[in-house]
């Protein structure tokens, strides 16, 4: 998608006229990043709203011990970095490219000026923030009440529904995610995820080939969540 088409598909900007959308794209700048490149770190100043035109970015909560928790993964059409722009406080997490990515950047002053003139955008951003808060609540609930096999099964289904291609009761997920990435998403160790993947492969529930993970039986995988 070109910049105008991308902006037109984002709920935050849907209420704008074509002219306003065009003006918005004209003041955005483009940034290209490599896989593994850091867009910002927790604690850094928040001066930019990011919109993904191509690629995948993970939002990571680091610990002092060097461990990570992947809060969410964003792909083309998603935006992030808005919290620091709204409250003026430092970034609350790291943002790291999972794949080579192309992003549109909107600076803080232009973003706030845009919000003050667009009530529909304010409502849209409240809706987006609420959805992300609910997702964080779900993450805490899963960590408290589900065991690792259940959390991992739930995360694989979520990744498939967001990024995969479904055909009947099978689903293919093609992403550059390591076993450590998967472990960080569910609050587990790489070793425990390696063990769980082995169990799922032996049962024929999933199969792996390079960057492609295939869920062979979604129904069986869902049973592990109960």
N, C-alpha and C. Protein backbone atom coordinates (compact mmCIF):
# COMPACT_ATOMS: atom_id res chain seq x y z
N UNK A 1 0.84 -1.20 0.00
CA UNK A 1 0.00 0.00 0.00
C UNK A 1 0.88 1.25 0.00
N UNK A 2 0.47 2.27 -0.77
CA UNK A 2 1.19 3.54 -0.68
C UNK A 2 0.72 4.25 0.59
N UNK A 3 1.38 5.38 0.92
CA UNK A 3 1.13 6.07 2.19
C UNK A 3 -0.33 6.49 2.33
N UNK A 4 -0.92 7.04 1.28
CA UNK A 4 -2.30 7.52 1.36
C UNK A 4 -3.27 6.36 1.57
N UNK A 5 -3.06 5.27 0.86
CA UNK A 5 -3.93 4.11 1.02
C UNK A 5 -3.80 3.53 2.42
N UNK A 6 -2.57 3.48 2.93
CA UNK A 6 -2.34 2.96 4.27
C UNK A 6 -3.05 3.81 5.31
N UNK A 7 -2.89 5.11 5.24
CA UNK A 7 -3.54 6.03 6.19
C UNK A 7 -5.05 5.88 6.12
N UNK A 8 -5.58 5.67 4.95
CA UNK A 8 -7.03 5.55 4.77
C UNK A 8 -7.58 4.30 5.43
N UNK A 9 -6.74 3.27 5.63
CA UNK A 9 -7.19 2.01 6.22
C UNK A 9 -7.04 1.98 7.74
N UNK A 10 -6.34 2.98 8.32
CA UNK A 10 -6.12 2.99 9.76
C UNK A 10 -7.30 3.66 10.45
N UNK A 11 -7.93 2.99 11.43
CA UNK A 11 -9.11 3.55 12.11
C UNK A 11 -8.88 4.95 12.66
N UNK A 12 -7.67 5.22 13.10
CA UNK A 12 -7.34 6.53 13.66
C UNK A 12 -7.58 7.67 12.68
N UNK A 13 -7.43 7.38 11.38
CA UNK A 13 -7.51 8.43 10.36
C UNK A 13 -8.72 8.29 9.43
N UNK A 14 -9.58 7.31 9.67
CA UNK A 14 -10.67 7.04 8.74
C UNK A 14 -11.65 8.20 8.60
N UNK A 15 -11.82 8.99 9.66
CA UNK A 15 -12.80 10.06 9.62
C UNK A 15 -12.34 11.30 8.87
N UNK A 16 -11.12 11.29 8.38
CA UNK A 16 -10.58 12.47 7.69
C UNK A 16 -11.06 12.55 6.25
N UNK A 17 -11.07 13.77 5.75
CA UNK A 17 -11.35 13.95 4.33
C UNK A 17 -10.12 13.51 3.54
N UNK A 18 -10.32 13.28 2.26
CA UNK A 18 -9.19 12.87 1.41
C UNK A 18 -8.09 13.92 1.44
N UNK A 19 -8.49 15.19 1.47
CA UNK A 19 -7.51 16.28 1.50
C UNK A 19 -6.68 16.25 2.78
N UNK A 20 -7.36 16.02 3.94
CA UNK A 20 -6.64 15.97 5.21
C UNK A 20 -5.70 14.76 5.26
N UNK A 21 -6.15 13.64 4.72
CA UNK A 21 -5.29 12.45 4.68
C UNK A 21 -4.06 12.72 3.83
N UNK A 22 -4.25 13.42 2.73
CA UNK A 22 -3.13 13.74 1.86
C UNK A 22 -2.14 14.65 2.58
N UNK A 23 -2.66 15.65 3.31
CA UNK A 23 -1.79 16.57 4.05
C UNK A 23 -1.01 15.82 5.12
N UNK A 24 -1.68 14.86 5.74
CA UNK A 24 -1.04 14.08 6.79
C UNK A 24 0.13 13.27 6.24
N UNK A 25 -0.08 12.62 5.11
CA UNK A 25 0.99 11.81 4.52
C UNK A 25 2.17 12.68 4.08
N UNK A 26 1.88 13.93 3.73
CA UNK A 26 2.94 14.82 3.26
C UNK A 26 3.89 15.24 4.38
N UNK A 27 3.40 15.24 5.64
CA UNK A 27 4.27 15.65 6.75
C UNK A 27 4.90 14.44 7.45
N UNK A 28 4.57 13.24 6.99
CA UNK A 28 5.20 12.05 7.56
C UNK A 28 6.54 11.79 6.86
N UNK A 29 7.46 11.22 7.62
CA UNK A 29 8.71 10.80 7.00
C UNK A 29 8.80 9.28 7.01
N UNK A 30 9.67 8.75 6.19
CA UNK A 30 9.81 7.30 6.02
C UNK A 30 11.08 6.81 6.70
N UNK A 31 10.98 5.68 7.37
CA UNK A 31 12.16 5.04 7.96
C UNK A 31 12.16 3.57 7.58
N UNK A 32 13.31 3.10 7.09
CA UNK A 32 13.48 1.69 6.77
C UNK A 32 14.43 1.08 7.80
N UNK A 33 14.07 -0.11 8.30
CA UNK A 33 14.90 -0.76 9.31
C UNK A 33 15.14 -2.22 8.94
N UNK A 34 16.25 -2.74 9.42
CA UNK A 34 16.60 -4.13 9.19
C UNK A 34 15.99 -5.01 10.28
N UNK A 35 15.91 -6.30 10.04
CA UNK A 35 15.44 -7.23 11.06
C UNK A 35 16.37 -7.15 12.27
N UNK A 36 15.80 -7.02 13.46
CA UNK A 36 16.58 -6.91 14.68
C UNK A 36 16.95 -5.50 15.07
N UNK A 37 16.67 -4.53 14.21
CA UNK A 37 17.01 -3.14 14.52
C UNK A 37 16.04 -2.56 15.54
N UNK A 38 16.59 -1.78 16.48
CA UNK A 38 15.78 -1.18 17.55
C UNK A 38 15.25 0.18 17.09
N UNK A 39 13.93 0.35 17.23
CA UNK A 39 13.31 1.64 16.89
C UNK A 39 13.37 2.59 18.08
N UNK A 40 13.10 2.07 19.26
CA UNK A 40 13.32 2.86 20.47
C UNK A 40 13.42 1.91 21.67
N UNK A 41 13.98 2.42 22.76
CA UNK A 41 14.15 1.66 23.98
C UNK A 41 13.26 2.21 25.09
N UNK A 42 12.92 1.35 26.03
CA UNK A 42 12.17 1.78 27.19
C UNK A 42 12.95 2.89 27.91
N UNK A 43 12.23 3.97 28.26
CA UNK A 43 12.87 5.09 28.95
C UNK A 43 13.31 6.21 28.04
N UNK A 44 13.35 5.95 26.71
CA UNK A 44 13.74 7.02 25.79
C UNK A 44 12.59 7.99 25.57
N UNK A 45 12.93 9.17 25.10
CA UNK A 45 11.91 10.20 24.87
C UNK A 45 10.98 9.79 23.73
N UNK A 46 9.68 10.00 23.95
CA UNK A 46 8.70 9.65 22.92
C UNK A 46 8.32 10.85 22.08
N UNK A 47 8.84 10.91 20.88
CA UNK A 47 8.57 12.06 20.01
C UNK A 47 7.93 11.67 18.69
N UNK A 48 7.64 10.38 18.50
CA UNK A 48 7.20 9.92 17.18
C UNK A 48 6.12 8.86 17.28
N UNK A 49 5.11 8.97 16.42
CA UNK A 49 4.12 7.92 16.21
C UNK A 49 4.57 7.11 15.00
N UNK A 50 4.54 5.79 15.11
CA UNK A 50 4.99 4.91 14.03
C UNK A 50 3.80 4.20 13.39
N UNK A 51 3.79 4.14 12.07
CA UNK A 51 2.80 3.38 11.31
C UNK A 51 3.55 2.42 10.41
N UNK A 52 3.22 1.14 10.49
CA UNK A 52 3.95 0.14 9.70
C UNK A 52 3.36 0.05 8.29
N UNK A 53 4.18 0.34 7.32
CA UNK A 53 3.77 0.21 5.92
C UNK A 53 4.09 -1.20 5.41
N UNK A 54 5.26 -1.70 5.79
CA UNK A 54 5.66 -3.06 5.46
C UNK A 54 6.46 -3.63 6.63
N UNK A 55 6.31 -4.94 6.87
CA UNK A 55 7.14 -5.58 7.88
C UNK A 55 6.41 -5.90 9.18
N UNK A 56 7.20 -6.26 10.19
CA UNK A 56 6.68 -6.69 11.49
C UNK A 56 7.56 -6.11 12.59
N UNK A 57 6.92 -5.61 13.65
CA UNK A 57 7.63 -5.02 14.79
C UNK A 57 7.08 -5.62 16.08
N UNK A 58 7.98 -5.97 17.00
CA UNK A 58 7.54 -6.48 18.30
C UNK A 58 7.75 -5.42 19.37
N UNK A 59 6.81 -5.38 20.32
CA UNK A 59 6.91 -4.48 21.46
C UNK A 59 7.32 -5.32 22.66
N UNK A 60 8.45 -4.96 23.26
CA UNK A 60 9.09 -5.82 24.25
C UNK A 60 9.27 -5.08 25.57
N UNK A 61 8.95 -5.76 26.66
CA UNK A 61 9.18 -5.22 28.00
C UNK A 61 10.42 -5.91 28.56
N UNK A 62 11.56 -5.19 28.69
CA UNK A 62 12.80 -5.81 29.17
C UNK A 62 12.87 -5.79 30.69
N UNK A 63 13.69 -6.70 31.24
CA UNK A 63 13.93 -6.71 32.67
C UNK A 63 15.39 -6.34 32.94
N UNK A 64 15.70 -6.02 34.18
CA UNK A 64 17.07 -5.68 34.54
C UNK A 64 18.01 -6.87 34.42
N UNK A 65 17.44 -8.08 34.45
CA UNK A 65 18.25 -9.29 34.37
C UNK A 65 18.50 -9.72 32.92
N UNK A 66 17.94 -8.96 31.97
CA UNK A 66 18.15 -9.28 30.56
C UNK A 66 17.06 -10.13 29.95
N UNK A 67 16.06 -10.51 30.75
CA UNK A 67 14.93 -11.26 30.22
C UNK A 67 13.98 -10.32 29.49
N UNK A 68 13.07 -10.90 28.68
CA UNK A 68 12.12 -10.08 27.93
C UNK A 68 10.72 -10.68 28.02
N UNK A 69 9.74 -9.81 27.87
CA UNK A 69 8.36 -10.25 27.68
C UNK A 69 7.85 -9.53 26.44
N UNK A 70 7.47 -10.29 25.41
CA UNK A 70 6.92 -9.68 24.20
C UNK A 70 5.45 -9.39 24.46
N UNK A 71 5.12 -8.11 24.52
CA UNK A 71 3.75 -7.70 24.82
C UNK A 71 2.83 -7.90 23.63
N UNK A 72 3.32 -7.57 22.45
CA UNK A 72 2.50 -7.73 21.24
C UNK A 72 3.38 -7.64 20.01
N UNK A 73 2.82 -8.04 18.88
CA UNK A 73 3.51 -7.95 17.60
C UNK A 73 2.61 -7.19 16.63
N UNK A 74 3.17 -6.20 15.96
CA UNK A 74 2.42 -5.39 15.00
C UNK A 74 2.91 -5.66 13.59
N UNK A 75 1.98 -5.54 12.63
CA UNK A 75 2.33 -5.73 11.22
C UNK A 75 1.76 -4.58 10.40
N UNK A 76 1.81 -4.72 9.08
CA UNK A 76 1.39 -3.64 8.17
C UNK A 76 -0.02 -3.15 8.50
N UNK A 77 -0.17 -1.84 8.62
CA UNK A 77 -1.46 -1.24 8.95
C UNK A 77 -1.62 -0.91 10.41
N UNK A 78 -0.73 -1.42 11.27
CA UNK A 78 -0.79 -1.11 12.70
C UNK A 78 0.02 0.14 13.01
N UNK A 79 -0.32 0.79 14.13
CA UNK A 79 0.46 1.92 14.60
C UNK A 79 0.84 1.68 16.05
N UNK A 80 1.93 2.33 16.50
CA UNK A 80 2.37 2.19 17.89
C UNK A 80 3.21 3.41 18.27
N UNK A 81 3.48 3.53 19.56
CA UNK A 81 4.27 4.66 20.04
C UNK A 81 3.43 5.85 20.44
N UNK A 82 2.09 5.69 20.45
CA UNK A 82 1.21 6.84 20.71
C UNK A 82 1.14 7.22 22.18
N UNK A 83 1.41 6.28 23.09
CA UNK A 83 1.26 6.58 24.52
C UNK A 83 2.19 7.69 24.98
N UNK A 84 3.47 7.60 24.59
CA UNK A 84 4.43 8.62 24.99
C UNK A 84 4.11 9.97 24.36
N UNK A 85 3.51 9.94 23.17
CA UNK A 85 3.13 11.20 22.52
C UNK A 85 2.01 11.89 23.28
N UNK A 86 1.10 11.10 23.85
CA UNK A 86 -0.06 11.67 24.53
C UNK A 86 0.27 12.19 25.92
N UNK A 87 1.09 11.43 26.69
CA UNK A 87 1.35 11.86 28.07
C UNK A 87 2.70 12.55 28.25
N UNK A 88 3.52 12.57 27.20
CA UNK A 88 4.80 13.27 27.29
C UNK A 88 5.84 12.54 28.12
N UNK A 89 5.54 11.31 28.54
CA UNK A 89 6.47 10.55 29.37
C UNK A 89 7.35 9.64 28.50
N UNK A 90 8.43 9.10 29.08
CA UNK A 90 9.34 8.24 28.29
C UNK A 90 8.63 6.98 27.80
N UNK A 91 9.23 6.33 26.82
CA UNK A 91 8.69 5.10 26.27
C UNK A 91 8.55 4.05 27.38
N UNK A 92 7.47 3.28 27.31
CA UNK A 92 7.19 2.28 28.34
C UNK A 92 7.71 0.88 27.97
N UNK A 93 8.25 0.72 26.76
CA UNK A 93 8.75 -0.58 26.30
C UNK A 93 9.71 -0.37 25.14
N UNK A 94 10.37 -1.45 24.72
CA UNK A 94 11.22 -1.41 23.53
C UNK A 94 10.39 -1.73 22.29
N UNK A 95 10.81 -1.22 21.15
CA UNK A 95 10.21 -1.59 19.86
C UNK A 95 11.34 -2.07 18.95
N UNK A 96 11.21 -3.32 18.45
CA UNK A 96 12.28 -3.95 17.67
C UNK A 96 11.69 -4.59 16.42
N UNK A 97 12.33 -4.35 15.29
CA UNK A 97 11.86 -4.94 14.02
C UNK A 97 12.11 -6.44 14.02
N UNK A 98 11.08 -7.21 13.69
CA UNK A 98 11.20 -8.67 13.57
C UNK A 98 11.66 -9.01 12.16
N UNK A 99 11.19 -8.25 11.19
CA UNK A 99 11.55 -8.44 9.79
C UNK A 99 11.98 -7.09 9.22
N UNK A 100 12.66 -7.07 8.07
CA UNK A 100 12.93 -5.78 7.42
C UNK A 100 11.62 -5.02 7.26
N UNK A 101 11.59 -3.77 7.69
CA UNK A 101 10.33 -3.03 7.75
C UNK A 101 10.47 -1.62 7.21
N UNK A 102 9.34 -1.11 6.74
CA UNK A 102 9.25 0.27 6.25
C UNK A 102 8.14 0.94 7.05
N UNK A 103 8.46 2.08 7.69
CA UNK A 103 7.51 2.74 8.57
C UNK A 103 7.31 4.19 8.19
N UNK A 104 6.12 4.69 8.49
CA UNK A 104 5.82 6.11 8.36
C UNK A 104 5.87 6.72 9.75
N UNK A 105 6.53 7.87 9.88
CA UNK A 105 6.73 8.50 11.18
C UNK A 105 6.04 9.86 11.22
N UNK A 106 5.30 10.09 12.31
CA UNK A 106 4.60 11.36 12.52
C UNK A 106 5.09 11.94 13.84
N UNK A 107 5.64 13.17 13.83
CA UNK A 107 6.21 13.69 15.06
C UNK A 107 5.14 14.22 16.01
N UNK A 108 5.52 14.44 17.25
CA UNK A 108 4.59 14.72 18.34
C UNK A 108 3.76 15.97 18.10
N UNK A 109 4.39 17.06 17.71
CA UNK A 109 3.65 18.32 17.54
C UNK A 109 2.61 18.20 16.43
N UNK A 110 2.98 17.56 15.33
CA UNK A 110 2.02 17.37 14.23
C UNK A 110 0.89 16.44 14.65
N UNK A 111 1.23 15.40 15.43
CA UNK A 111 0.23 14.44 15.89
C UNK A 111 -0.78 15.11 16.83
N UNK A 112 -0.29 15.89 17.80
CA UNK A 112 -1.19 16.55 18.75
C UNK A 112 -2.05 17.60 18.06
N UNK A 113 -1.46 18.32 17.11
CA UNK A 113 -2.23 19.31 16.35
C UNK A 113 -3.33 18.62 15.56
N UNK A 114 -3.00 17.46 15.01
CA UNK A 114 -3.99 16.68 14.26
C UNK A 114 -5.14 16.24 15.18
N UNK A 115 -4.81 15.78 16.38
CA UNK A 115 -5.85 15.31 17.30
C UNK A 115 -6.79 16.42 17.73
N UNK A 116 -6.24 17.60 17.98
CA UNK A 116 -7.09 18.70 18.45
C UNK A 116 -8.11 19.13 17.40
N UNK A 117 -7.88 18.77 16.16
CA UNK A 117 -8.81 19.17 15.09
C UNK A 117 -9.70 18.03 14.62
N UNK A 118 -9.55 16.84 15.24
CA UNK A 118 -10.30 15.69 14.76
C UNK A 118 -10.85 14.87 15.92
N UNK A 119 -12.10 15.11 16.25
CA UNK A 119 -12.74 14.40 17.35
C UNK A 119 -12.82 12.89 17.08
N UNK A 120 -13.07 12.52 15.84
CA UNK A 120 -13.19 11.10 15.51
C UNK A 120 -11.87 10.37 15.75
N UNK A 121 -10.76 11.06 15.54
CA UNK A 121 -9.45 10.45 15.77
C UNK A 121 -9.21 10.24 17.26
N UNK A 122 -9.68 11.17 18.09
CA UNK A 122 -9.54 11.04 19.54
C UNK A 122 -10.31 9.81 20.02
N UNK A 123 -11.54 9.64 19.51
CA UNK A 123 -12.35 8.48 19.87
C UNK A 123 -11.66 7.19 19.41
N UNK A 124 -11.09 7.21 18.21
CA UNK A 124 -10.42 6.04 17.66
C UNK A 124 -9.21 5.65 18.49
N UNK A 125 -8.45 6.65 18.96
CA UNK A 125 -7.25 6.33 19.73
C UNK A 125 -7.61 5.84 21.12
N UNK A 126 -8.70 6.36 21.70
CA UNK A 126 -9.18 5.83 22.98
C UNK A 126 -9.58 4.37 22.82
N UNK A 127 -10.23 4.06 21.70
CA UNK A 127 -10.65 2.69 21.43
C UNK A 127 -9.44 1.77 21.29
N UNK A 128 -8.41 2.25 20.58
CA UNK A 128 -7.20 1.45 20.38
C UNK A 128 -6.48 1.22 21.70
N UNK A 129 -6.38 2.27 22.52
CA UNK A 129 -5.71 2.14 23.81
C UNK A 129 -6.47 1.19 24.73
N UNK A 130 -7.79 1.25 24.69
CA UNK A 130 -8.60 0.35 25.51
C UNK A 130 -8.40 -1.10 25.09
N UNK A 131 -8.36 -1.33 23.77
CA UNK A 131 -8.15 -2.68 23.26
C UNK A 131 -6.79 -3.22 23.69
N UNK A 132 -5.77 -2.36 23.68
CA UNK A 132 -4.44 -2.81 24.06
C UNK A 132 -4.35 -3.05 25.56
N UNK A 133 -5.09 -2.25 26.35
CA UNK A 133 -5.13 -2.48 27.79
C UNK A 133 -5.81 -3.80 28.11
N UNK A 134 -6.90 -4.09 27.39
CA UNK A 134 -7.59 -5.37 27.58
C UNK A 134 -6.67 -6.54 27.22
N UNK A 135 -5.86 -6.35 26.18
CA UNK A 135 -4.94 -7.41 25.77
C UNK A 135 -3.89 -7.67 26.85
N UNK A 136 -3.43 -6.58 27.50
CA UNK A 136 -2.48 -6.72 28.60
C UNK A 136 -3.12 -7.45 29.77
N UNK A 137 -4.40 -7.13 30.05
CA UNK A 137 -5.13 -7.83 31.11
C UNK A 137 -5.22 -9.33 30.81
N UNK A 138 -5.49 -9.65 29.53
CA UNK A 138 -5.57 -11.06 29.12
C UNK A 138 -4.23 -11.76 29.33
N UNK A 139 -3.14 -11.03 29.03
CA UNK A 139 -1.79 -11.59 29.18
C UNK A 139 -1.51 -11.92 30.65
N UNK A 140 -1.88 -11.01 31.54
CA UNK A 140 -1.69 -11.24 32.98
C UNK A 140 -2.55 -12.38 33.48
N UNK A 141 -3.78 -12.46 32.97
CA UNK A 141 -4.69 -13.53 33.37
C UNK A 141 -4.15 -14.90 32.93
N UNK A 142 -3.66 -14.95 31.70
CA UNK A 142 -3.11 -16.21 31.19
C UNK A 142 -1.90 -16.65 32.02
N UNK A 143 -1.03 -15.68 32.36
CA UNK A 143 0.17 -16.01 33.13
C UNK A 143 -0.18 -16.51 34.52
N UNK A 144 -1.31 -16.05 35.04
CA UNK A 144 -1.72 -16.42 36.40
C UNK A 144 -2.46 -17.75 36.45
N UNK A 145 -3.24 -18.07 35.42
CA UNK A 145 -4.16 -19.19 35.52
C UNK A 145 -3.94 -20.32 34.51
N UNK A 146 -3.12 -20.10 33.48
CA UNK A 146 -2.89 -21.15 32.49
C UNK A 146 -1.46 -21.69 32.61
N UNK A 147 -1.31 -23.02 32.41
CA UNK A 147 0.03 -23.57 32.41
C UNK A 147 0.71 -23.29 31.07
N UNK A 148 1.99 -23.64 30.95
CA UNK A 148 2.76 -23.31 29.75
C UNK A 148 2.17 -23.93 28.48
N UNK A 149 1.79 -25.23 28.48
CA UNK A 149 1.20 -25.81 27.26
C UNK A 149 -0.05 -25.05 26.82
N UNK A 150 -0.89 -24.64 27.77
CA UNK A 150 -2.12 -23.92 27.43
C UNK A 150 -1.80 -22.52 26.91
N UNK A 151 -0.86 -21.84 27.56
CA UNK A 151 -0.49 -20.49 27.12
C UNK A 151 0.12 -20.53 25.72
N UNK A 152 0.96 -21.53 25.48
CA UNK A 152 1.62 -21.64 24.19
C UNK A 152 0.62 -21.96 23.09
N UNK A 153 -0.31 -22.87 23.36
CA UNK A 153 -1.33 -23.21 22.37
C UNK A 153 -2.18 -21.98 22.04
N UNK A 154 -2.55 -21.23 23.07
CA UNK A 154 -3.35 -20.03 22.86
C UNK A 154 -2.60 -19.00 22.03
N UNK A 155 -1.30 -18.85 22.30
CA UNK A 155 -0.49 -17.88 21.55
C UNK A 155 -0.34 -18.30 20.08
N UNK A 156 -0.14 -19.59 19.82
CA UNK A 156 -0.03 -20.05 18.44
C UNK A 156 -1.31 -19.78 17.65
N UNK A 157 -2.45 -20.01 18.29
CA UNK A 157 -3.73 -19.75 17.62
C UNK A 157 -3.90 -18.26 17.37
N UNK A 158 -3.50 -17.43 18.34
CA UNK A 158 -3.59 -15.98 18.18
C UNK A 158 -2.69 -15.51 17.03
N UNK A 159 -1.47 -16.02 16.96
CA UNK A 159 -0.56 -15.66 15.87
C UNK A 159 -1.13 -16.10 14.53
N UNK A 160 -1.72 -17.29 14.51
CA UNK A 160 -2.31 -17.79 13.27
C UNK A 160 -3.47 -16.93 12.81
N UNK A 161 -4.32 -16.53 13.74
CA UNK A 161 -5.48 -15.71 13.38
C UNK A 161 -5.07 -14.32 12.91
N UNK A 162 -3.95 -13.82 13.43
CA UNK A 162 -3.50 -12.47 13.08
C UNK A 162 -2.62 -12.46 11.84
N UNK A 163 -1.70 -13.42 11.74
CA UNK A 163 -0.70 -13.38 10.68
C UNK A 163 -0.75 -14.57 9.73
N UNK A 164 -1.53 -15.60 10.07
CA UNK A 164 -1.50 -16.83 9.28
C UNK A 164 -2.52 -16.91 8.17
N UNK A 165 -2.43 -18.00 7.44
CA UNK A 165 -3.38 -18.31 6.37
C UNK A 165 -4.10 -19.60 6.74
N UNK A 166 -5.43 -19.52 6.83
CA UNK A 166 -6.20 -20.68 7.27
C UNK A 166 -6.85 -21.39 6.09
N UNK A 167 -6.88 -22.71 6.19
CA UNK A 167 -7.57 -23.55 5.21
C UNK A 167 -8.20 -24.70 5.97
N UNK A 168 -9.50 -24.62 6.17
CA UNK A 168 -10.18 -25.64 6.95
C UNK A 168 -9.71 -25.64 8.38
N UNK A 169 -9.18 -26.77 8.85
CA UNK A 169 -8.72 -26.87 10.23
C UNK A 169 -7.20 -26.78 10.33
N UNK A 170 -6.58 -26.26 9.26
CA UNK A 170 -5.13 -26.06 9.28
C UNK A 170 -4.82 -24.57 9.12
N UNK A 171 -3.63 -24.20 9.54
CA UNK A 171 -3.24 -22.79 9.47
C UNK A 171 -1.73 -22.70 9.31
N UNK A 172 -1.26 -21.84 8.42
CA UNK A 172 0.17 -21.65 8.21
C UNK A 172 0.59 -20.27 8.70
N UNK A 173 1.67 -20.23 9.50
CA UNK A 173 2.20 -18.98 10.03
C UNK A 173 3.62 -18.84 9.51
N UNK A 174 3.87 -17.79 8.74
CA UNK A 174 5.20 -17.55 8.20
C UNK A 174 5.76 -16.27 8.79
N UNK A 175 6.61 -16.41 9.82
CA UNK A 175 7.21 -15.26 10.48
C UNK A 175 8.61 -15.63 10.95
N UNK A 176 9.47 -14.62 11.06
CA UNK A 176 10.83 -14.84 11.55
C UNK A 176 10.86 -14.79 13.07
N UNK A 177 10.21 -15.77 13.70
CA UNK A 177 10.18 -15.85 15.15
C UNK A 177 11.04 -17.00 15.63
N UNK A 178 11.94 -16.72 16.57
CA UNK A 178 12.77 -17.76 17.15
C UNK A 178 12.01 -18.43 18.30
N UNK A 179 12.56 -19.54 18.79
CA UNK A 179 11.95 -20.18 19.96
C UNK A 179 12.03 -19.26 21.17
N UNK A 180 13.05 -18.42 21.23
CA UNK A 180 13.14 -17.45 22.33
C UNK A 180 12.02 -16.43 22.22
N UNK A 181 11.73 -15.97 20.99
CA UNK A 181 10.61 -15.04 20.79
C UNK A 181 9.31 -15.66 21.28
N UNK A 182 9.07 -16.91 20.90
CA UNK A 182 7.84 -17.59 21.32
C UNK A 182 7.80 -17.74 22.83
N UNK A 183 8.94 -18.04 23.43
CA UNK A 183 9.01 -18.16 24.89
C UNK A 183 8.72 -16.83 25.56
N UNK A 184 9.27 -15.74 25.00
CA UNK A 184 9.06 -14.42 25.58
C UNK A 184 7.60 -13.98 25.49
N UNK A 185 6.88 -14.51 24.52
CA UNK A 185 5.47 -14.15 24.36
C UNK A 185 4.59 -14.77 25.44
N UNK A 186 5.00 -15.92 25.93
CA UNK A 186 4.15 -16.62 26.90
C UNK A 186 4.75 -16.65 28.30
N UNK A 187 5.88 -15.96 28.50
CA UNK A 187 6.50 -15.92 29.81
C UNK A 187 7.08 -17.25 30.22
N UNK A 188 7.79 -17.90 29.30
CA UNK A 188 8.38 -19.21 29.57
C UNK A 188 9.84 -19.20 29.14
N UNK A 189 10.56 -20.28 29.42
CA UNK A 189 11.95 -20.40 28.98
C UNK A 189 11.99 -20.98 27.58
N UNK A 190 13.11 -20.76 26.88
CA UNK A 190 13.26 -21.32 25.54
C UNK A 190 13.23 -22.84 25.59
N UNK A 191 13.80 -23.40 26.66
CA UNK A 191 13.85 -24.85 26.80
C UNK A 191 12.44 -25.45 26.92
N UNK A 192 11.57 -24.77 27.67
CA UNK A 192 10.21 -25.29 27.85
C UNK A 192 9.41 -25.21 26.55
N UNK A 193 9.66 -24.16 25.76
CA UNK A 193 8.97 -24.04 24.47
C UNK A 193 9.51 -25.06 23.48
N UNK A 194 10.82 -25.31 23.53
CA UNK A 194 11.41 -26.34 22.69
C UNK A 194 10.78 -27.70 23.00
N UNK A 195 10.59 -27.98 24.28
CA UNK A 195 9.97 -29.23 24.70
C UNK A 195 8.52 -29.30 24.23
N UNK A 196 7.80 -28.19 24.36
CA UNK A 196 6.38 -28.17 23.97
C UNK A 196 6.23 -28.32 22.46
N UNK A 197 7.13 -27.70 21.69
CA UNK A 197 7.09 -27.85 20.24
C UNK A 197 7.34 -29.31 19.85
N UNK A 198 8.26 -29.95 20.54
CA UNK A 198 8.55 -31.35 20.26
C UNK A 198 7.32 -32.22 20.51
N UNK A 199 6.62 -31.95 21.61
CA UNK A 199 5.39 -32.70 21.93
C UNK A 199 4.34 -32.49 20.85
N UNK A 200 4.16 -31.23 20.43
CA UNK A 200 3.15 -30.92 19.41
C UNK A 200 3.49 -31.56 18.08
N UNK A 201 4.78 -31.60 17.75
CA UNK A 201 5.20 -32.23 16.49
C UNK A 201 4.99 -33.74 16.55
N UNK A 202 5.32 -34.35 17.68
CA UNK A 202 5.15 -35.79 17.83
C UNK A 202 3.68 -36.20 17.74
N UNK A 203 2.80 -35.34 18.20
CA UNK A 203 1.36 -35.60 18.15
C UNK A 203 0.77 -35.24 16.78
N UNK A 204 1.59 -34.63 15.92
CA UNK A 204 1.12 -34.24 14.59
C UNK A 204 0.27 -32.99 14.58
N UNK A 205 0.27 -32.25 15.68
CA UNK A 205 -0.56 -31.04 15.77
C UNK A 205 0.07 -29.88 15.00
N UNK A 206 1.41 -29.79 15.04
CA UNK A 206 2.11 -28.76 14.28
C UNK A 206 3.27 -29.39 13.53
N UNK A 207 3.76 -28.66 12.52
CA UNK A 207 4.98 -29.06 11.81
C UNK A 207 5.77 -27.80 11.49
N UNK A 208 7.08 -27.95 11.38
CA UNK A 208 7.97 -26.81 11.15
C UNK A 208 8.80 -27.03 9.90
N UNK A 209 8.99 -25.95 9.14
CA UNK A 209 9.86 -25.99 7.96
C UNK A 209 10.42 -24.58 7.74
N UNK A 210 11.67 -24.35 8.17
CA UNK A 210 12.25 -23.03 8.06
C UNK A 210 11.50 -22.03 8.92
N UNK A 211 11.05 -20.92 8.29
CA UNK A 211 10.28 -19.91 9.01
C UNK A 211 8.79 -20.21 9.01
N UNK A 212 8.41 -21.35 8.44
CA UNK A 212 6.99 -21.70 8.34
C UNK A 212 6.60 -22.66 9.45
N UNK A 213 5.61 -22.26 10.24
CA UNK A 213 5.03 -23.14 11.26
C UNK A 213 3.60 -23.43 10.82
N UNK A 214 3.28 -24.69 10.69
CA UNK A 214 1.94 -25.09 10.25
C UNK A 214 1.20 -25.78 11.39
N UNK A 215 0.01 -25.25 11.68
CA UNK A 215 -0.88 -25.91 12.62
C UNK A 215 -1.71 -26.89 11.81
N UNK A 216 -1.49 -28.17 12.03
CA UNK A 216 -2.16 -29.20 11.23
C UNK A 216 -3.58 -29.50 11.71
N UNK A 217 -3.84 -29.22 12.97
CA UNK A 217 -5.16 -29.51 13.53
C UNK A 217 -5.49 -28.47 14.59
N UNK A 218 -6.22 -27.43 14.19
CA UNK A 218 -6.56 -26.33 15.10
C UNK A 218 -7.42 -26.83 16.26
N UNK A 219 -8.33 -27.74 15.96
CA UNK A 219 -9.24 -28.27 17.00
C UNK A 219 -8.45 -28.95 18.11
N UNK A 220 -7.46 -29.78 17.74
CA UNK A 220 -6.65 -30.46 18.75
C UNK A 220 -5.82 -29.47 19.56
N UNK A 221 -5.31 -28.43 18.88
CA UNK A 221 -4.51 -27.43 19.57
C UNK A 221 -5.37 -26.66 20.59
N UNK A 222 -6.62 -26.35 20.21
CA UNK A 222 -7.51 -25.63 21.11
C UNK A 222 -7.83 -26.45 22.37
N UNK A 223 -7.84 -27.76 22.24
CA UNK A 223 -8.15 -28.61 23.40
C UNK A 223 -7.10 -28.47 24.51
N UNK A 224 -5.89 -28.06 24.12
CA UNK A 224 -4.81 -27.92 25.11
C UNK A 224 -4.98 -26.68 25.96
N UNK A 225 -5.91 -25.79 25.58
CA UNK A 225 -6.15 -24.56 26.34
C UNK A 225 -7.09 -24.82 27.52
N UNK A 226 -7.89 -25.85 27.44
CA UNK A 226 -8.89 -26.12 28.48
C UNK A 226 -8.27 -26.59 29.79
